[in-house]
Amino acid sequence: MRPINDLPILEAPYEIFEFKPNVPAFFKVSNWRMGKMTIIPRWAGAPPTKIIEAVRLYVEEETKPFYPFYYDITPRRLVSQLSGMMKMPIPRNMWLKILRDVPGPRAHFSASWIVRE
């Protein structure tokens, strides 16, 4: 991944996707962008703002039929995984499936392309 200072700013509105533990999320991806955004952390003792890396997944109507037509993915481990996956051509006939294992900051994610009926 590029250093965060070299990443473009993802413009608002932000549409941060909140993954639920053990509930798969499915995305019909048409395009993507790697960038950075400023968030307001919610944990105790957090700084007032923080700049983070994010992957913006532009999705088709089957995933999200209303504006904005994208989701911003922010968990650091998942951003790292997706930035590698998305460098390959996006499979047009497949869905991106993402699964989170546990709640909290120690979560791990699995991401894979699947055929969804």
N, C-alpha and C. Protein backbone atom coordinates (compact mmCIF):
# COMPACT_ATOMS: atom_id res chain seq x y z
N MET A 1 0.84 -1.18 0.00
CA MET A 1 0.00 0.00 0.00
C MET A 1 0.89 1.25 0.00
N ARG A 2 0.35 2.30 -0.58
CA ARG A 2 1.06 3.58 -0.60
C ARG A 2 1.02 4.22 0.79
N PRO A 3 2.02 5.06 1.10
CA PRO A 3 1.95 5.81 2.37
C PRO A 3 0.66 6.65 2.40
N ILE A 4 0.09 6.78 3.59
CA ILE A 4 -1.19 7.48 3.71
C ILE A 4 -1.12 8.91 3.19
N ASN A 5 0.02 9.58 3.34
CA ASN A 5 0.13 10.95 2.84
C ASN A 5 0.02 11.04 1.33
N ASP A 6 0.34 9.95 0.62
CA ASP A 6 0.28 9.93 -0.84
C ASP A 6 -1.10 9.57 -1.38
N LEU A 7 -2.01 9.16 -0.51
CA LEU A 7 -3.33 8.74 -0.96
C LEU A 7 -4.22 9.95 -1.22
N PRO A 8 -5.11 9.84 -2.21
CA PRO A 8 -6.06 10.94 -2.44
C PRO A 8 -7.11 10.97 -1.33
N ILE A 9 -7.70 12.13 -1.15
CA ILE A 9 -8.78 12.27 -0.17
C ILE A 9 -10.07 11.75 -0.79
N LEU A 10 -10.77 10.90 -0.07
CA LEU A 10 -12.09 10.45 -0.50
C LEU A 10 -13.09 11.52 -0.10
N GLU A 11 -13.82 12.03 -1.06
CA GLU A 11 -14.75 13.12 -0.79
C GLU A 11 -16.01 12.62 -0.08
N ALA A 12 -16.61 13.50 0.68
CA ALA A 12 -17.87 13.21 1.35
C ALA A 12 -18.99 13.18 0.32
N PRO A 13 -20.10 12.53 0.60
CA PRO A 13 -20.45 11.95 1.88
C PRO A 13 -19.76 10.60 2.09
N TYR A 14 -19.46 10.31 3.35
CA TYR A 14 -18.89 9.01 3.70
C TYR A 14 -20.03 8.04 3.93
N GLU A 15 -19.82 6.83 3.52
CA GLU A 15 -20.82 5.77 3.67
C GLU A 15 -20.08 4.56 4.25
N ILE A 16 -19.71 4.66 5.50
CA ILE A 16 -18.90 3.62 6.15
C ILE A 16 -19.77 2.41 6.45
N PHE A 17 -19.35 1.26 5.92
CA PHE A 17 -20.10 0.02 6.13
C PHE A 17 -19.70 -0.58 7.48
N GLU A 18 -20.69 -0.90 8.29
CA GLU A 18 -20.46 -1.50 9.61
C GLU A 18 -20.70 -3.01 9.49
N PHE A 19 -19.63 -3.78 9.60
CA PHE A 19 -19.74 -5.24 9.51
C PHE A 19 -20.18 -5.81 10.85
N LYS A 20 -21.11 -6.76 10.79
CA LYS A 20 -21.58 -7.44 11.99
C LYS A 20 -20.84 -8.78 12.09
N PRO A 21 -20.44 -9.17 13.31
CA PRO A 21 -19.74 -10.45 13.46
C PRO A 21 -20.58 -11.63 12.96
N ASN A 22 -19.94 -12.49 12.22
CA ASN A 22 -20.52 -13.75 11.73
C ASN A 22 -21.75 -13.56 10.83
N VAL A 23 -21.89 -12.38 10.23
CA VAL A 23 -22.97 -12.12 9.28
C VAL A 23 -22.31 -11.71 7.96
N PRO A 24 -22.38 -12.56 6.93
CA PRO A 24 -21.70 -12.20 5.68
C PRO A 24 -22.33 -10.98 5.02
N ALA A 25 -21.48 -10.16 4.42
CA ALA A 25 -21.93 -9.00 3.64
C ALA A 25 -21.57 -9.26 2.18
N PHE A 26 -22.46 -8.91 1.27
CA PHE A 26 -22.27 -9.17 -0.15
C PHE A 26 -22.30 -7.85 -0.92
N PHE A 27 -21.35 -7.69 -1.83
CA PHE A 27 -21.24 -6.47 -2.63
C PHE A 27 -21.06 -6.84 -4.09
N LYS A 28 -21.89 -6.27 -4.96
CA LYS A 28 -21.71 -6.39 -6.41
C LYS A 28 -20.90 -5.17 -6.82
N VAL A 29 -19.59 -5.35 -6.96
CA VAL A 29 -18.65 -4.25 -7.14
C VAL A 29 -18.49 -3.90 -8.61
N SER A 30 -18.57 -2.60 -8.93
CA SER A 30 -18.35 -2.15 -10.30
C SER A 30 -17.02 -1.42 -10.44
N ASN A 31 -16.52 -0.83 -9.34
CA ASN A 31 -15.26 -0.11 -9.36
C ASN A 31 -14.81 0.10 -7.92
N TRP A 32 -13.63 0.66 -7.74
CA TRP A 32 -13.13 0.90 -6.40
C TRP A 32 -12.10 2.01 -6.42
N ARG A 33 -11.83 2.59 -5.26
CA ARG A 33 -10.78 3.59 -5.07
C ARG A 33 -10.15 3.40 -3.71
N MET A 34 -8.86 3.59 -3.66
CA MET A 34 -8.14 3.61 -2.39
C MET A 34 -7.92 5.07 -2.04
N GLY A 35 -8.13 5.45 -0.79
CA GLY A 35 -7.94 6.83 -0.40
C GLY A 35 -7.86 6.98 1.10
N LYS A 36 -8.00 8.23 1.53
CA LYS A 36 -7.98 8.51 2.97
C LYS A 36 -9.17 9.39 3.31
N MET A 37 -9.55 9.32 4.58
CA MET A 37 -10.66 10.13 5.07
C MET A 37 -10.40 10.51 6.52
N THR A 38 -11.05 11.56 6.95
CA THR A 38 -10.95 11.99 8.33
C THR A 38 -12.19 11.52 9.07
N ILE A 39 -11.97 10.82 10.18
CA ILE A 39 -13.08 10.33 10.99
C ILE A 39 -13.02 10.95 12.37
N ILE A 40 -14.10 10.81 13.11
CA ILE A 40 -14.16 11.22 14.51
C ILE A 40 -14.25 9.95 15.34
N PRO A 41 -13.12 9.51 15.93
CA PRO A 41 -13.14 8.25 16.69
C PRO A 41 -14.10 8.32 17.88
N ARG A 42 -14.67 7.16 18.23
CA ARG A 42 -15.67 7.10 19.29
C ARG A 42 -15.18 6.48 20.59
N TRP A 43 -13.95 5.96 20.62
CA TRP A 43 -13.50 5.29 21.82
C TRP A 43 -12.97 6.29 22.84
N ALA A 44 -12.98 5.87 24.12
CA ALA A 44 -12.53 6.74 25.22
C ALA A 44 -11.06 7.10 25.03
N GLY A 45 -10.73 8.36 25.19
CA GLY A 45 -9.36 8.82 25.07
C GLY A 45 -8.87 9.01 23.65
N ALA A 46 -9.77 8.89 22.68
CA ALA A 46 -9.39 9.03 21.27
C ALA A 46 -9.13 10.50 20.94
N PRO A 47 -8.30 10.72 19.90
CA PRO A 47 -8.11 12.11 19.46
C PRO A 47 -9.41 12.63 18.84
N PRO A 48 -9.56 13.96 18.71
CA PRO A 48 -10.81 14.50 18.16
C PRO A 48 -11.05 14.07 16.72
N THR A 49 -10.00 13.93 15.93
CA THR A 49 -10.12 13.43 14.56
C THR A 49 -8.93 12.52 14.25
N LYS A 50 -9.09 11.71 13.24
CA LYS A 50 -8.03 10.79 12.83
C LYS A 50 -8.14 10.59 11.33
N ILE A 51 -7.00 10.58 10.63
CA ILE A 51 -6.97 10.29 9.20
C ILE A 51 -6.69 8.80 9.04
N ILE A 52 -7.55 8.13 8.27
CA ILE A 52 -7.41 6.69 8.07
C ILE A 52 -7.44 6.36 6.59
N GLU A 53 -6.91 5.18 6.25
CA GLU A 53 -7.01 4.65 4.90
C GLU A 53 -8.38 4.00 4.75
N ALA A 54 -8.90 4.03 3.54
CA ALA A 54 -10.18 3.40 3.27
C ALA A 54 -10.22 2.93 1.82
N VAL A 55 -11.03 1.92 1.59
CA VAL A 55 -11.33 1.46 0.24
C VAL A 55 -12.77 1.84 -0.04
N ARG A 56 -13.00 2.58 -1.09
CA ARG A 56 -14.36 2.92 -1.51
C ARG A 56 -14.77 1.92 -2.58
N LEU A 57 -15.80 1.13 -2.27
CA LEU A 57 -16.34 0.15 -3.22
C LEU A 57 -17.56 0.75 -3.89
N TYR A 58 -17.47 1.00 -5.18
CA TYR A 58 -18.63 1.44 -5.96
C TYR A 58 -19.42 0.18 -6.29
N VAL A 59 -20.71 0.20 -5.96
CA VAL A 59 -21.51 -1.01 -6.08
C VAL A 59 -22.69 -0.80 -7.03
N GLU A 60 -23.16 -1.92 -7.55
CA GLU A 60 -24.29 -1.89 -8.47
C GLU A 60 -25.60 -1.87 -7.68
N GLU A 61 -26.68 -1.62 -8.39
CA GLU A 61 -27.99 -1.43 -7.78
C GLU A 61 -28.45 -2.64 -6.95
N GLU A 62 -28.00 -3.84 -7.34
CA GLU A 62 -28.39 -5.03 -6.56
C GLU A 62 -27.87 -4.95 -5.12
N THR A 63 -26.79 -4.22 -4.92
CA THR A 63 -26.21 -4.09 -3.58
C THR A 63 -26.82 -2.92 -2.83
N LYS A 64 -26.95 -1.78 -3.52
CA LYS A 64 -27.40 -0.56 -2.86
C LYS A 64 -28.14 0.30 -3.87
N PRO A 65 -29.46 0.33 -3.79
CA PRO A 65 -30.25 1.04 -4.81
C PRO A 65 -30.42 2.54 -4.56
N PHE A 66 -29.70 3.12 -3.59
CA PHE A 66 -29.87 4.55 -3.29
C PHE A 66 -28.51 5.23 -3.16
N TYR A 67 -28.53 6.55 -3.32
CA TYR A 67 -27.32 7.37 -3.28
C TYR A 67 -26.77 7.46 -1.86
N PRO A 68 -25.47 7.50 -1.67
CA PRO A 68 -24.42 7.36 -2.67
C PRO A 68 -24.22 5.88 -3.04
N PHE A 69 -23.81 5.63 -4.25
CA PHE A 69 -23.74 4.27 -4.78
C PHE A 69 -22.38 3.64 -4.50
N TYR A 70 -21.97 3.73 -3.24
CA TYR A 70 -20.71 3.14 -2.81
C TYR A 70 -20.77 2.90 -1.31
N TYR A 71 -19.81 2.09 -0.84
CA TYR A 71 -19.57 1.91 0.58
C TYR A 71 -18.10 2.17 0.84
N ASP A 72 -17.80 2.79 1.97
CA ASP A 72 -16.43 3.01 2.40
C ASP A 72 -16.07 1.93 3.41
N ILE A 73 -14.99 1.22 3.12
CA ILE A 73 -14.53 0.13 3.97
C ILE A 73 -13.32 0.65 4.75
N THR A 74 -13.39 0.59 6.09
CA THR A 74 -12.35 1.23 6.90
C THR A 74 -11.54 0.32 7.83
N PRO A 75 -11.98 -0.90 8.20
CA PRO A 75 -11.13 -1.70 9.09
C PRO A 75 -9.75 -1.93 8.45
N ARG A 76 -8.72 -1.62 9.20
CA ARG A 76 -7.36 -1.63 8.65
C ARG A 76 -6.96 -2.97 8.04
N ARG A 77 -7.24 -4.07 8.73
CA ARG A 77 -6.89 -5.39 8.19
C ARG A 77 -7.62 -5.67 6.88
N LEU A 78 -8.86 -5.27 6.82
CA LEU A 78 -9.65 -5.51 5.62
C LEU A 78 -9.21 -4.60 4.48
N VAL A 79 -8.89 -3.34 4.78
CA VAL A 79 -8.39 -2.41 3.75
C VAL A 79 -7.14 -2.98 3.10
N SER A 80 -6.25 -3.52 3.91
CA SER A 80 -5.03 -4.12 3.38
C SER A 80 -5.34 -5.29 2.46
N GLN A 81 -6.23 -6.15 2.87
CA GLN A 81 -6.61 -7.31 2.06
C GLN A 81 -7.29 -6.88 0.75
N LEU A 82 -8.24 -5.95 0.85
CA LEU A 82 -8.98 -5.53 -0.34
C LEU A 82 -8.10 -4.77 -1.33
N SER A 83 -7.16 -3.98 -0.84
CA SER A 83 -6.31 -3.22 -1.76
C SER A 83 -5.51 -4.15 -2.65
N GLY A 84 -5.13 -5.31 -2.13
CA GLY A 84 -4.46 -6.32 -2.94
C GLY A 84 -5.41 -7.01 -3.90
N MET A 85 -6.59 -7.38 -3.41
CA MET A 85 -7.58 -8.08 -4.24
C MET A 85 -8.05 -7.23 -5.41
N MET A 86 -8.25 -5.95 -5.16
CA MET A 86 -8.85 -5.09 -6.17
C MET A 86 -7.87 -4.67 -7.28
N LYS A 87 -6.61 -5.01 -7.13
CA LYS A 87 -5.65 -4.70 -8.19
C LYS A 87 -5.85 -5.60 -9.40
N MET A 88 -6.49 -6.72 -9.20
CA MET A 88 -6.85 -7.62 -10.30
C MET A 88 -8.17 -7.12 -10.90
N PRO A 89 -8.48 -7.50 -12.13
CA PRO A 89 -9.77 -7.09 -12.70
C PRO A 89 -10.94 -7.59 -11.84
N ILE A 90 -11.95 -6.75 -11.71
CA ILE A 90 -13.12 -7.11 -10.92
C ILE A 90 -13.95 -8.12 -11.71
N PRO A 91 -14.20 -9.31 -11.15
CA PRO A 91 -15.02 -10.29 -11.86
C PRO A 91 -16.46 -9.79 -12.00
N ARG A 92 -16.90 -9.54 -13.20
CA ARG A 92 -18.22 -8.94 -13.44
C ARG A 92 -19.39 -9.86 -13.10
N ASN A 93 -19.18 -11.14 -13.10
CA ASN A 93 -20.28 -12.07 -12.83
C ASN A 93 -20.24 -12.61 -11.40
N MET A 94 -19.46 -11.96 -10.52
CA MET A 94 -19.30 -12.46 -9.16
C MET A 94 -19.58 -11.36 -8.13
N TRP A 95 -19.81 -11.79 -6.92
CA TRP A 95 -20.04 -10.90 -5.79
C TRP A 95 -18.84 -10.99 -4.85
N LEU A 96 -18.55 -9.90 -4.18
CA LEU A 96 -17.54 -9.88 -3.13
C LEU A 96 -18.24 -10.23 -1.82
N LYS A 97 -17.78 -11.28 -1.18
CA LYS A 97 -18.34 -11.70 0.12
C LYS A 97 -17.30 -11.39 1.19
N ILE A 98 -17.73 -10.68 2.23
CA ILE A 98 -16.85 -10.34 3.34
C ILE A 98 -17.50 -10.83 4.63
N LEU A 99 -16.69 -11.49 5.45
CA LEU A 99 -17.18 -12.01 6.73
C LEU A 99 -16.24 -11.56 7.84
N ARG A 100 -16.81 -11.01 8.89
CA ARG A 100 -16.06 -10.58 10.08
C ARG A 100 -16.21 -11.65 11.14
N ASP A 101 -15.13 -11.93 11.88
CA ASP A 101 -15.23 -13.00 12.87
C ASP A 101 -15.76 -12.53 14.23
N VAL A 102 -15.15 -11.55 14.87
CA VAL A 102 -15.54 -11.14 16.22
C VAL A 102 -15.78 -9.63 16.29
N PRO A 103 -16.50 -9.15 17.32
CA PRO A 103 -16.65 -7.70 17.47
C PRO A 103 -15.35 -7.08 17.98
N GLY A 104 -15.26 -5.76 17.85
CA GLY A 104 -14.13 -5.03 18.42
C GLY A 104 -12.94 -4.89 17.49
N PRO A 105 -11.89 -4.25 17.99
CA PRO A 105 -10.73 -3.93 17.16
C PRO A 105 -9.86 -5.12 16.78
N ARG A 106 -10.07 -6.27 17.39
CA ARG A 106 -9.26 -7.45 17.09
C ARG A 106 -9.89 -8.33 16.01
N ALA A 107 -10.89 -7.82 15.34
CA ALA A 107 -11.61 -8.59 14.32
C ALA A 107 -10.70 -8.93 13.14
N HIS A 108 -10.95 -10.09 12.59
CA HIS A 108 -10.32 -10.52 11.34
C HIS A 108 -11.43 -10.67 10.31
N PHE A 109 -11.05 -10.59 9.04
CA PHE A 109 -12.01 -10.63 7.95
C PHE A 109 -11.57 -11.64 6.90
N SER A 110 -12.56 -12.28 6.27
CA SER A 110 -12.27 -13.06 5.08
C SER A 110 -13.01 -12.39 3.93
N ALA A 111 -12.36 -12.32 2.80
CA ALA A 111 -12.96 -11.70 1.61
C ALA A 111 -12.71 -12.63 0.42
N SER A 112 -13.76 -12.87 -0.35
CA SER A 112 -13.62 -13.74 -1.52
C SER A 112 -14.66 -13.39 -2.57
N TRP A 113 -14.35 -13.73 -3.81
CA TRP A 113 -15.30 -13.58 -4.91
C TRP A 113 -16.12 -14.84 -5.00
N ILE A 114 -17.45 -14.70 -5.08
CA ILE A 114 -18.32 -15.87 -5.16
C ILE A 114 -19.37 -15.65 -6.25
N VAL A 115 -19.96 -16.77 -6.69
CA VAL A 115 -21.13 -16.71 -7.56
C VAL A 115 -22.33 -16.74 -6.63
N ARG A 116 -23.22 -15.79 -6.80
CA ARG A 116 -24.39 -15.70 -5.92
C ARG A 116 -25.64 -15.84 -6.76
N GLU A 117 -26.45 -16.79 -6.42
CA GLU A 117 -27.69 -17.06 -7.17
C GLU A 117 -28.76 -16.09 -6.79
